[in-house]
Amino acid sequence: MTTHMIARSWLAAAALLTLTACAGMSASGETPTLYTSIHAPAFAALKPGVSTKEDVRKQVGVPLTAMNFPRLHEDVWEYRYMDGTTIVMLAYVHFDPNGVLKYYEQRLDPAFHGGEGPSM
């Protein structure tokens, strides 16, 4: 093995460690709320046009991911949560530019249910 190959291996290992360390963090640097502690009723109290990002954080928790779609003028937070005791779901919570809830959508999590599920 050449010195160049060893250096590349170390660089690849360092990059993998960095990605692994960041994998458990949301975009804000906070640890996302554990999906087994979020349940379907947490979303029922959310009111489009009324609830804010702060309300959603208090009611549901820290999102798994937070995405910005400039052309749509919205931010979308993704949550993984439990519906009942065995069904793992995804929720996408959409906010307007002022941080007010526009709507949210829920669906089966394909990572747990073997494919894309129907929207709920």
Protein backbone atom coordinates (compact mmCIF):
# COMPACT_ATOMS: atom_id res chain seq x y z
CA MET A 1 0.00 0.00 0.00
CA THR A 2 1.45 3.36 -1.01
CA THR A 3 1.59 6.45 1.19
CA HIS A 4 -0.95 8.09 -1.10
CA MET A 5 -3.40 5.20 -0.64
CA ILE A 6 -2.97 5.29 3.15
CA ALA A 7 -3.59 9.04 3.21
CA ARG A 8 -6.77 8.59 1.13
CA SER A 9 -7.95 5.83 3.48
CA TRP A 10 -7.45 8.07 6.51
CA LEU A 11 -9.24 10.92 4.78
CA ALA A 12 -12.17 8.65 3.90
CA ALA A 13 -12.32 7.37 7.48
CA ALA A 14 -12.30 10.92 8.86
CA ALA A 15 -15.11 11.93 6.48
CA LEU A 16 -17.16 8.89 7.51
CA LEU A 17 -16.70 9.68 11.20
CA THR A 18 -17.76 13.28 10.62
CA LEU A 19 -20.90 12.21 8.75
CA THR A 20 -21.72 9.63 11.41
CA ALA A 21 -21.34 12.21 14.18
CA CYS A 22 -23.65 14.62 12.37
CA ALA A 23 -26.26 12.02 11.44
CA GLY A 24 -28.07 12.34 14.77
CA MET A 25 -28.40 16.11 14.57
CA SER A 26 -31.03 18.31 12.97
CA ALA A 27 -30.12 21.27 10.78
CA SER A 28 -30.25 23.50 13.88
CA GLY A 29 -27.66 21.30 15.61
CA GLU A 30 -30.21 19.85 18.03
CA THR A 31 -30.93 16.17 18.42
CA PRO A 32 -34.27 15.33 16.74
CA THR A 33 -37.04 14.15 19.02
CA LEU A 34 -37.04 10.34 19.17
CA TYR A 35 -39.79 9.05 16.88
CA THR A 36 -41.06 6.56 19.43
CA SER A 37 -41.96 9.47 21.72
CA ILE A 38 -44.05 11.27 19.05
CA HIS A 39 -47.57 9.96 18.44
CA ALA A 40 -50.31 10.82 15.94
CA PRO A 41 -52.37 12.96 18.39
CA ALA A 42 -49.46 15.46 18.62
CA PHE A 43 -50.40 16.69 15.15
CA ALA A 44 -54.15 16.98 15.84
CA ALA A 45 -53.77 20.23 17.79
CA LEU A 46 -51.92 21.98 14.94
CA LYS A 47 -54.04 24.63 13.23
CA PRO A 48 -53.21 25.83 9.69
CA GLY A 49 -53.03 29.60 9.53
CA VAL A 50 -52.64 29.82 13.32
CA SER A 51 -49.91 27.50 14.65
CA THR A 52 -46.33 28.76 14.40
CA LYS A 53 -42.98 26.98 14.21
CA GLU A 54 -42.64 27.49 17.97
CA ASP A 55 -46.07 25.91 18.55
CA VAL A 56 -45.05 22.89 16.46
CA ARG A 57 -41.77 22.53 18.36
CA LYS A 58 -43.63 22.59 21.68
CA GLN A 59 -46.37 20.21 20.53
CA VAL A 60 -44.38 17.75 18.39
CA GLY A 61 -40.67 18.28 19.09
CA VAL A 62 -37.46 18.86 17.15
CA PRO A 63 -37.87 17.78 13.49
CA LEU A 64 -35.82 15.04 11.88
CA THR A 65 -34.98 17.40 9.00
CA ALA A 66 -35.79 20.99 8.08
CA MET A 67 -35.86 21.96 4.41
CA ASN A 68 -36.32 25.30 2.65
CA PHE A 69 -38.00 25.61 -0.74
CA PRO A 70 -37.42 29.20 -1.91
CA ARG A 71 -39.53 28.93 -5.07
CA LEU A 72 -42.49 27.64 -3.07
CA HIS A 73 -41.88 30.22 -0.33
CA GLU A 74 -42.03 27.60 2.38
CA ASP A 75 -40.07 25.64 4.94
CA VAL A 76 -40.89 21.98 5.50
CA TRP A 77 -40.11 20.03 8.65
CA GLU A 78 -40.03 16.24 8.53
CA TYR A 79 -41.02 14.09 11.49
CA ARG A 80 -40.99 10.33 11.98
CA TYR A 81 -43.58 9.23 14.54
CA MET A 82 -45.71 6.35 15.78
CA ASP A 83 -49.34 5.78 14.88
CA GLY A 84 -50.48 3.31 17.50
CA THR A 85 -47.81 0.96 18.75
CA THR A 86 -46.45 -0.59 15.54
CA ILE A 87 -47.03 1.75 12.59
CA VAL A 88 -44.14 4.11 11.82
CA MET A 89 -45.23 7.21 9.93
CA LEU A 90 -43.70 10.33 8.36
CA ALA A 91 -45.20 13.79 8.62
CA TYR A 92 -44.23 16.80 6.55
CA VAL A 93 -45.16 20.12 8.19
CA HIS A 94 -45.25 23.09 5.76
CA PHE A 95 -44.74 26.70 6.90
CA ASP A 96 -45.15 30.01 5.09
CA PRO A 97 -42.32 32.63 5.04
CA ASN A 98 -43.62 34.06 8.34
CA GLY A 99 -43.27 30.71 10.09
CA VAL A 100 -47.01 30.02 10.21
CA LEU A 101 -48.32 26.53 9.49
CA LYS A 102 -49.78 26.14 5.99
CA TYR A 103 -50.62 22.42 6.20
CA TYR A 104 -49.15 19.06 7.09
CA GLU A 105 -49.26 15.68 5.39
CA GLN A 106 -48.78 12.20 6.81
CA ARG A 107 -47.85 8.87 5.22
CA LEU A 108 -46.44 5.46 6.02
CA ASP A 109 -42.66 5.50 6.42
CA PRO A 110 -41.31 3.38 3.52
CA ALA A 111 -38.15 2.67 5.53
CA PHE A 112 -40.30 0.58 7.90
CA HIS A 113 -43.10 -0.61 5.62
CA GLY A 114 -41.30 -1.76 2.48
CA GLY A 115 -42.32 0.89 -0.02
CA GLU A 116 -44.20 4.11 -0.53
CA GLY A 117 -47.46 4.16 1.36
CA PRO A 118 -50.61 6.10 0.59
CA SER A 119 -50.92 9.67 1.83
CA MET A 120 -53.18 10.05 4.80
